[in-house]
Every structure is written in structure tokens, then in C-alpha cells.
Protein backbone atom coordinates (compact mmCIF):
# COMPACT_ATOMS: atom_id res chain seq x y z
CA UNK A 1 4.20 -6.94 -24.31
CA UNK A 2 2.49 -4.66 -21.96
CA UNK A 3 3.30 -0.95 -21.82
CA UNK A 4 3.16 -0.91 -18.05
CA UNK A 5 4.26 -3.13 -15.36
CA UNK A 6 1.82 -2.11 -13.04
CA UNK A 7 -1.38 -0.07 -13.06
CA UNK A 8 -2.37 0.70 -9.68
CA UNK A 9 -5.37 2.43 -8.11
CA UNK A 10 -5.55 3.62 -4.63
CA UNK A 11 -6.24 6.59 -1.98
CA UNK A 12 -4.15 9.75 -2.86
CA UNK A 13 -3.31 10.84 0.66
CA UNK A 14 -0.41 13.43 1.50
CA UNK A 15 1.48 11.80 4.15
CA UNK A 16 2.53 14.05 7.11
CA UNK A 17 4.95 12.11 9.57
CA UNK A 18 5.38 12.90 13.21
CA UNK A 19 7.40 11.60 15.85
CA UNK A 20 6.00 11.48 19.16
CA UNK A 21 5.66 9.57 22.41
CA UNK A 22 3.24 7.16 23.82
CA UNK A 23 1.89 9.77 25.98
CA UNK A 24 1.20 11.88 23.37
CA UNK A 25 -1.11 8.88 22.09
CA UNK A 26 -2.83 8.36 25.16
CA UNK A 27 -3.49 11.88 25.62
CA UNK A 28 -4.91 11.98 21.91
CA UNK A 29 -6.91 8.81 22.63
CA UNK A 30 -5.69 7.39 19.46
CA UNK A 31 -5.40 3.51 19.11
CA UNK A 32 -1.76 2.65 18.67
CA UNK A 33 -0.38 0.59 15.58
CA UNK A 34 -3.41 0.60 13.06
CA UNK A 35 -5.16 2.98 10.80
CA UNK A 36 -8.15 4.94 12.13
CA UNK A 37 -10.17 6.88 9.77
CA UNK A 38 -11.08 10.21 11.07
CA UNK A 39 -13.03 13.42 9.93
CA UNK A 40 -11.26 16.89 9.24
CA UNK A 41 -12.19 18.57 12.80
CA UNK A 42 -10.75 15.50 14.35
CA UNK A 43 -7.14 15.55 12.19
CA UNK A 44 -6.95 19.51 13.14
CA UNK A 45 -7.19 18.69 16.61
CA UNK A 46 -4.47 16.31 16.19
CA UNK A 47 -2.42 18.57 14.08
CA UNK A 48 -3.24 21.45 16.60
CA UNK A 49 -1.70 19.20 19.66
CA UNK A 50 1.61 18.40 17.60
CA UNK A 51 2.13 22.07 16.45
CA UNK A 52 6.04 22.81 16.88
CA UNK A 53 6.84 19.07 16.16
CA UNK A 54 9.20 18.76 13.12
CA UNK A 55 7.32 16.62 10.02
CA UNK A 56 7.76 15.60 6.61
CA UNK A 57 5.38 15.27 4.03
CA UNK A 58 5.39 13.11 0.78
CA UNK A 59 2.75 11.75 -1.75
CA UNK A 60 1.57 8.72 0.04
CA UNK A 61 -1.30 6.15 0.29
CA UNK A 62 -0.64 2.32 0.47
CA UNK A 63 -0.90 1.27 -3.07
CA UNK A 64 1.09 4.45 -3.92
CA UNK A 65 3.86 3.77 -2.10
CA UNK A 66 3.81 0.46 -3.41
CA UNK A 67 3.88 1.97 -7.10
CA UNK A 68 6.35 4.20 -6.46
CA UNK A 69 8.48 1.50 -5.20
CA UNK A 70 8.32 -0.43 -8.16
CA UNK A 71 9.18 2.81 -10.71
CA UNK A 72 12.05 3.44 -8.54
CA UNK A 73 13.51 -0.32 -9.31
CA UNK A 74 12.72 0.78 -12.82
CA UNK A 75 9.33 -0.51 -13.48
CA UNK A 76 6.91 1.32 -15.77
CA UNK A 77 3.90 2.20 -13.76
CA UNK A 78 0.56 3.83 -13.78
CA UNK A 79 -1.57 5.17 -10.94
CA UNK A 80 -5.11 6.33 -10.68
CA UNK A 81 -6.21 8.55 -7.93
CA UNK A 82 -8.39 11.35 -6.71
CA UNK A 83 -7.09 14.94 -5.61
CA UNK A 84 -8.78 18.00 -5.30
CA UNK A 85 -8.09 21.13 -7.02
CA UNK A 86 -5.80 22.55 -3.96
CA UNK A 87 -2.29 23.09 -2.84
CA UNK A 88 -2.13 19.71 -1.50
CA UNK A 89 -3.45 17.98 -4.66
CA UNK A 90 -1.09 19.88 -6.97
CA UNK A 91 1.83 18.83 -4.65
CA UNK A 92 0.47 15.36 -5.00
CA UNK A 93 0.42 14.97 -8.78
CA UNK A 94 3.92 16.84 -8.87
CA UNK A 95 5.47 14.58 -6.38
CA UNK A 96 4.02 11.52 -8.11
CA UNK A 97 5.20 12.51 -11.43
CA UNK A 98 8.74 13.31 -10.02
CA UNK A 99 8.94 9.77 -8.79
CA UNK A 100 8.46 8.23 -12.23
CA UNK A 101 4.71 7.25 -12.07
CA UNK A 102 2.26 8.07 -14.88
CA UNK A 103 -1.24 9.19 -13.48
CA UNK A 104 -4.56 10.25 -14.35
CA UNK A 105 -3.36 14.11 -13.63
CA UNK A 106 -5.46 15.32 -16.79
CA UNK A 107 -8.50 14.28 -15.23
CA UNK A 108 -10.51 17.46 -13.90
CA UNK A 109 -10.06 17.95 -10.21
CA UNK A 110 -13.32 18.82 -8.17
CA UNK A 111 -12.98 21.60 -5.40
CA UNK A 112 -12.57 20.05 -2.00
CA UNK A 113 -9.97 18.98 0.24
CA UNK A 114 -6.93 16.25 -0.65
CA UNK A 115 -6.64 13.49 1.50
CA UNK A 116 -4.04 13.76 4.39
CA UNK A 117 -2.50 10.80 6.70
CA UNK A 118 -0.86 11.82 9.80
CA UNK A 119 1.81 9.19 10.51
CA UNK A 120 2.54 9.07 13.93
CA UNK A 121 5.62 7.44 14.79
CA UNK A 122 6.57 6.39 18.32
CA UNK A 123 9.95 5.52 19.63
CA UNK A 124 9.43 1.96 19.29
CA UNK A 125 9.22 2.35 15.46
CA UNK A 126 5.39 1.59 15.40
CA UNK A 127 3.38 3.57 13.06
CA UNK A 128 -0.03 4.87 13.88
CA UNK A 129 -2.11 6.37 11.24
CA UNK A 130 -5.05 9.04 11.20
CA UNK A 131 -6.57 9.52 8.00
CA UNK A 132 -8.80 12.04 6.66
CA UNK A 133 -9.80 10.86 3.13
CA UNK A 134 -10.97 14.02 1.87
CA UNK A 135 -12.02 13.76 -2.03
CA UNK A 136 -10.36 10.81 -1.91
CA UNK A 137 -13.21 9.18 -0.39
CA UNK A 138 -15.11 10.05 -3.46
CA UNK A 139 -12.87 7.85 -5.94
CA UNK A 140 -14.72 6.43 -8.69
CA UNK A 141 -14.79 5.22 -12.29
CA UNK A 142 -14.34 8.55 -13.45
CA UNK A 143 -10.47 8.15 -12.47
CA UNK A 144 -10.06 4.87 -14.39
CA UNK A 145 -8.04 5.02 -17.25
CA UNK A 146 -8.77 1.92 -19.01
CA UNK A 147 -6.38 2.07 -21.91
CA UNK A 148 -3.50 2.12 -19.41
CA UNK A 149 -5.15 -0.73 -17.41
CA UNK A 150 -5.78 -2.66 -20.37
CA UNK A 151 -1.95 -1.97 -21.58
CA UNK A 152 -0.56 -3.60 -18.21
CA UNK A 153 0.98 -6.86 -17.01
CA UNK A 154 -0.48 -6.28 -13.26
CA UNK A 155 -3.33 -4.49 -11.55
CA UNK A 156 -2.77 -3.63 -7.99
CA UNK A 157 -4.90 -2.01 -5.30
CA UNK A 158 -5.24 -1.65 -1.82
CA UNK A 159 -7.54 -3.00 0.87
CA UNK A 160 -8.22 0.62 2.44
CA UNK A 161 -10.26 1.44 -0.46
CA UNK A 162 -13.10 -1.20 0.98
CA UNK A 163 -14.29 1.97 3.26
CA UNK A 164 -15.68 3.82 0.46
CA UNK A 165 -18.69 2.43 -1.53
CA UNK A 166 -17.88 4.20 -4.72
CA UNK A 167 -14.19 3.35 -4.45
CA UNK A 168 -15.01 -0.34 -3.84
CA UNK A 169 -17.27 -0.49 -6.65
CA UNK A 170 -14.53 0.95 -8.83
CA UNK A 171 -11.94 -1.59 -7.73
CA UNK A 172 -14.47 -4.40 -8.58
CA UNK A 173 -15.01 -2.86 -12.21
CA UNK A 174 -11.33 -2.27 -12.67
CA UNK A 175 -10.52 -5.85 -11.53
CA UNK A 176 -13.23 -7.23 -14.11
CA UNK A 177 -11.50 -4.95 -17.05
CA UNK A 178 -8.09 -6.44 -15.90
CA UNK A 179 -9.32 -10.14 -15.97
CA UNK A 180 -10.96 -9.54 -19.48
CA UNK A 181 -8.03 -8.10 -20.70
CA UNK A 182 -5.59 -10.94 -19.39
CA UNK A 183 -3.96 -8.54 -17.05
CA UNK A 184 -3.01 -10.33 -13.68
CA UNK A 185 -4.48 -8.92 -10.43
CA UNK A 186 -3.22 -8.46 -6.91
CA UNK A 187 -4.60 -6.70 -3.85
CA UNK A 188 -3.24 -5.95 -0.39
CA UNK A 189 -5.53 -6.10 2.72
CA UNK A 190 -3.49 -3.29 4.12
CA UNK A 191 -4.25 -3.07 7.50
CA UNK A 192 -5.98 -5.08 10.41
CA UNK A 193 -8.82 -2.78 11.07
CA UNK A 194 -9.72 -3.19 7.41
CA UNK A 195 -10.21 -6.83 8.13
CA UNK A 196 -11.82 -6.50 11.51
CA UNK A 197 -14.64 -4.11 10.42
CA UNK A 198 -14.83 -4.64 6.55
CA UNK A 199 -14.12 -8.25 5.80
CA UNK A 200 -17.21 -8.51 3.89
CA UNK A 201 -16.08 -5.60 1.33
CA UNK A 202 -12.69 -7.15 1.41
CA UNK A 203 -14.10 -10.32 0.25
CA UNK A 204 -16.44 -8.62 -2.70
CA UNK A 205 -12.96 -6.99 -3.75
CA UNK A 206 -11.52 -10.24 -3.85
CA UNK A 207 -14.54 -11.96 -5.93
CA UNK A 208 -13.35 -15.23 -7.47
CA UNK A 209 -10.15 -14.76 -6.61
CA UNK A 210 -6.98 -12.64 -7.03
CA UNK A 211 -3.69 -13.82 -8.67
CA UNK A 212 -1.67 -12.51 -5.67
CA UNK A 213 -2.80 -11.48 -2.38
CA UNK A 214 -0.74 -9.69 0.40
CA UNK A 215 -1.05 -9.50 3.96
CA UNK A 216 0.55 -9.56 7.23
CA UNK A 217 -0.10 -12.06 9.82
CA UNK A 218 -2.65 -10.50 11.90
CA UNK A 219 -4.37 -9.62 8.53
CA UNK A 220 -4.27 -12.96 7.44
CA UNK A 221 -5.60 -14.71 10.92
CA UNK A 222 -8.42 -12.14 10.93
CA UNK A 223 -9.38 -12.81 7.43
CA UNK A 224 -9.41 -16.65 8.36
CA UNK A 225 -11.12 -16.02 11.74
CA UNK A 226 -8.39 -18.15 13.56
CA UNK A 227 -5.09 -17.37 15.63
CA UNK A 228 -3.75 -20.29 13.90
CA UNK A 229 -1.12 -18.98 11.15
CA UNK A 230 -1.32 -22.48 9.62
CA UNK A 231 -5.01 -22.44 8.95
CA UNK A 232 -4.60 -19.05 7.62
CA UNK A 233 -2.41 -20.21 4.75
CA UNK A 234 -4.71 -22.89 4.08
CA UNK A 235 -7.56 -20.36 4.09
CA UNK A 236 -5.63 -17.92 1.70
CA UNK A 237 -5.29 -20.81 -0.73
CA UNK A 238 -9.15 -20.51 -1.38
CA UNK A 239 -8.69 -16.68 -2.06
CA UNK A 240 -5.52 -16.40 -4.46
CA UNK A 241 -3.56 -18.31 -6.88
CA UNK A 242 -0.36 -16.97 -4.84
CA UNK A 243 0.04 -14.85 -1.71
CA UNK A 244 2.58 -13.35 0.63
CA UNK A 245 2.03 -13.25 4.38
CA UNK A 246 4.82 -11.08 5.97
CA UNK A 247 5.85 -11.59 9.40
CA UNK A 248 7.43 -8.29 10.50
CA UNK A 249 11.24 -9.33 11.68
CA UNK A 250 10.61 -12.90 11.20
CA UNK A 251 10.83 -12.70 7.16
CA UNK A 252 7.92 -13.70 5.16
CA UNK A 253 5.82 -16.58 4.03
CA UNK A 254 4.98 -16.97 -0.14
CA UNK A 255 2.80 -19.15 -1.74
CA UNK A 256 3.78 -19.65 -5.43
CA UNK A 257 0.83 -21.81 -6.28
CA UNK A 258 2.63 -25.07 -5.13
CA UNK A 259 5.22 -24.73 -2.62
CA UNK A 260 4.90 -22.52 0.45
CA UNK A 261 8.49 -20.72 0.86
CA UNK A 262 9.82 -19.42 3.87
CA UNK A 263 11.39 -16.00 3.17
CA UNK A 264 14.28 -15.33 5.81
CA UNK A 265 14.46 -11.97 7.34
CA UNK A 266 17.18 -9.53 6.84
CA UNK A 267 18.46 -8.53 10.44
CA UNK A 268 18.67 -4.50 10.98
CA UNK A 269 17.85 -2.21 13.69
CA UNK A 270 14.43 -0.59 12.67
CA UNK A 271 13.84 3.17 13.43
CA UNK A 272 10.27 3.60 11.60
CA UNK A 273 8.27 0.92 10.13
CA UNK A 274 6.14 3.23 8.23
CA UNK A 275 5.52 1.68 4.33
CA UNK A 276 7.60 -1.75 5.38
CA UNK A 277 4.58 -3.78 4.01
CA UNK A 278 3.96 -1.30 0.82
CA UNK A 279 7.67 -1.48 0.14
CA UNK A 280 7.47 -5.19 0.15
CA UNK A 281 4.61 -5.33 -2.12
CA UNK A 282 6.03 -3.13 -4.67
CA UNK A 283 9.50 -4.84 -4.84
CA UNK A 284 7.90 -8.23 -5.17
CA UNK A 285 5.61 -7.36 -7.79
CA UNK A 286 8.76 -5.59 -9.71
CA UNK A 287 10.48 -8.74 -9.47
CA UNK A 288 7.69 -10.84 -11.03
CA UNK A 289 7.38 -8.41 -13.71
CA UNK A 290 11.01 -9.09 -14.62
CA UNK A 291 10.65 -12.78 -14.49
CA UNK A 292 11.73 -13.15 -10.90
CA UNK A 293 10.60 -16.69 -9.55
CA UNK A 294 8.53 -16.14 -6.09
CA UNK A 295 11.44 -16.99 -3.85
CA UNK A 296 13.94 -14.44 -5.73
CA UNK A 297 11.17 -11.68 -5.73
CA UNK A 298 10.72 -12.45 -1.68
CA UNK A 299 14.19 -11.73 -1.06
CA UNK A 300 14.22 -8.62 -3.05
CA UNK A 301 11.18 -7.65 -1.42
CA UNK A 302 12.72 -8.74 2.15
CA UNK A 303 15.80 -6.73 1.17
CA UNK A 304 14.13 -3.68 0.31
CA UNK A 305 11.57 -3.41 3.29
CA UNK A 306 14.74 -4.25 5.77
CA UNK A 307 16.36 -1.33 4.35
CA UNK A 308 13.36 1.19 4.44
CA UNK A 309 12.86 0.50 8.11
CA UNK A 310 16.57 1.73 8.97
CA UNK A 311 15.35 5.23 8.12
CA UNK A 312 12.26 7.65 8.70
CA UNK A 313 9.46 7.75 5.90
CA UNK A 314 7.83 5.21 3.66
CA UNK A 315 10.02 5.90 0.75
CA UNK A 316 14.01 5.49 -0.37
CA UNK A 317 16.07 7.70 -2.71
CA UNK A 318 15.81 5.71 -6.27
CA UNK A 319 19.64 5.10 -6.07
CA UNK A 320 19.17 2.87 -3.01
CA UNK A 321 16.43 0.66 -4.40
CA UNK A 322 18.71 0.06 -7.45
CA UNK A 323 21.62 -0.83 -5.37
CA UNK A 324 19.41 -3.47 -3.55
CA UNK A 325 18.56 -4.76 -6.71
CA UNK A 326 22.29 -5.19 -7.86
CA UNK A 327 23.05 -6.71 -4.54
CA UNK A 328 20.19 -9.17 -4.86
CA UNK A 329 21.32 -9.75 -8.54
């Protein structure tokens, strides 16, 4: 039996979450509802505009959020990432370990700036991300811990890594190692902009196919080059043995390799959708590692992501995730 349920690799970003108005976004000239890469100067300018706004910070990054969610349910997880030898880098590693995730924290850290993600939440609960990758943009095979990867049930990564040549190459190498070791592979497309601008790179990361692919409806249709969700479903069958297409407040579609399963939504009053997709992926993967079938894993993931959006931030207390697990049974 594998020691780790999931081995993840992704960006290491300290999330700085702010609540702001639509007018603020207009003044800042930021595209709403997607992730935009910015340089340090641009991000500092945004933070200067938001000076005086209350904010929260936590270790983040899409794959990290999913890995932490799995760990909170009780999974054994490892996360490879790259942080700098600065205050935010040391904060990130402490926060990750406190969440119960093993990591490559003994890797020698370079000078530079740890990545930051400004999470801008508007009153309609939409989240807009402005990401300065910092040193995370240089993630490479140096951060891979092959022994941990080979001793895992699943390898999971995020589509956001497609923007960095070295990170994309590292994902391809990690996927090769995983497949050679009998480790199942999973990928999240992460964001509509990744599909819009980096589709070719995402297809390189998917390679000959993955065991499990996560996307929302916009990402799925973008990959398929169609506004017809049914066509996206058929296209995804050529990319993955199984997949999840989340539909926001309408639930999710899950292909288990032979049947398309509709996961009904859990109706709640959302206040912040930050991390909902990450939570869905982490909970779903946890369920599969515990022997859940795809329908039961989908029910757990839907319940967990619904609970998450009723509060601020991409993470719930561990006791709340365990309570959801007991509720699903």
C-alpha cells in the first residue's frame, strides 16, 4: 500500500484575500472572475490602492488548497513547491506543515520573492486573482521528491503550471515517473484563461491522457472549442479515463469511465467562491483513495465545496471537513 494518498505539485502562493467593490476593479483595470498574471510592480500598485482594507493570508495555490483539503479529511499527502528564503516563504512552509502536509521543506531555498496571490472578492461572491509568481515561476525538477512520488496512490497537479516552461517540463517528468510507478495521474485545468492562452501547453501536460481530469464548464468548453457542453463531455473522453466538470450552483458531471453521473448541487447562500473548485478536487480525490465510487466521491466533494462557499477563504477548519465526511457516511 502506498504511503501517501496524494503527491501534489504546484505553485506556492501566499494568498492575500481582500473584499472590494466592482468600482475598485474598474479603477484598477482588472478583468473580473479570472486569474491574471502580474509582475511585482503591478501587484504592489494594486496593494497600495487597497491599503487600509482588511485582509487575510494563508498558504495557497490551487493544487495546495486541494492537497490541504485532502489532508484535513484524513488523507496522507505530500506537496512539492518552491518558495524563497524570505518571510513569506518561511510562513508558507510552516502553514503547510501545520495543515498536516509533508513537503520538500528541506530543499535549499534561493534568494528572491515567494509568490503572492491577491484574491479580490466582490459583493457577488466572485473571486478575481492577481498573481505574482515570484520564485514559484522557477519551479523545476529540483523540487521533485521522487521517492515520495513513487510511494503515492495519486499524482495531482494544476493547470496554472503551464505558464512556466520549467514547471510545465517538471509536470511532464513527474507524470512519466508516476505512470512508470503505477501511480494514477490527475490534473485540474484551473482557470479559463489557462485554457484560452495555453491550451497547447495543457495538452502537452496531459500527454497520452490522465486518469482523472478536473474542469469547470467554461474550461471544458474552451478545451473542446465548443459552446456545447455535450461536445465538451465527448472531447474529455479522449483526454482522460475519468473526469469531473463542475457546474457551480448546478452541481457537477462525473464520468467514471462508463457512466456519466449527475451530482446534484447542495443549495447554500454563497458569500465567497474562492477555492470551491480546489475543495471539490481535494475532497473527490480523498474519496477515491478511500475506496468511494465516483458517485459517492462526487457527493462528498459537492457537500464540501458548498460548505466552503458559505464562509470566507479557500479553507475550512479540519473539524468541519471531518463533520462533512461523517454526514456523507
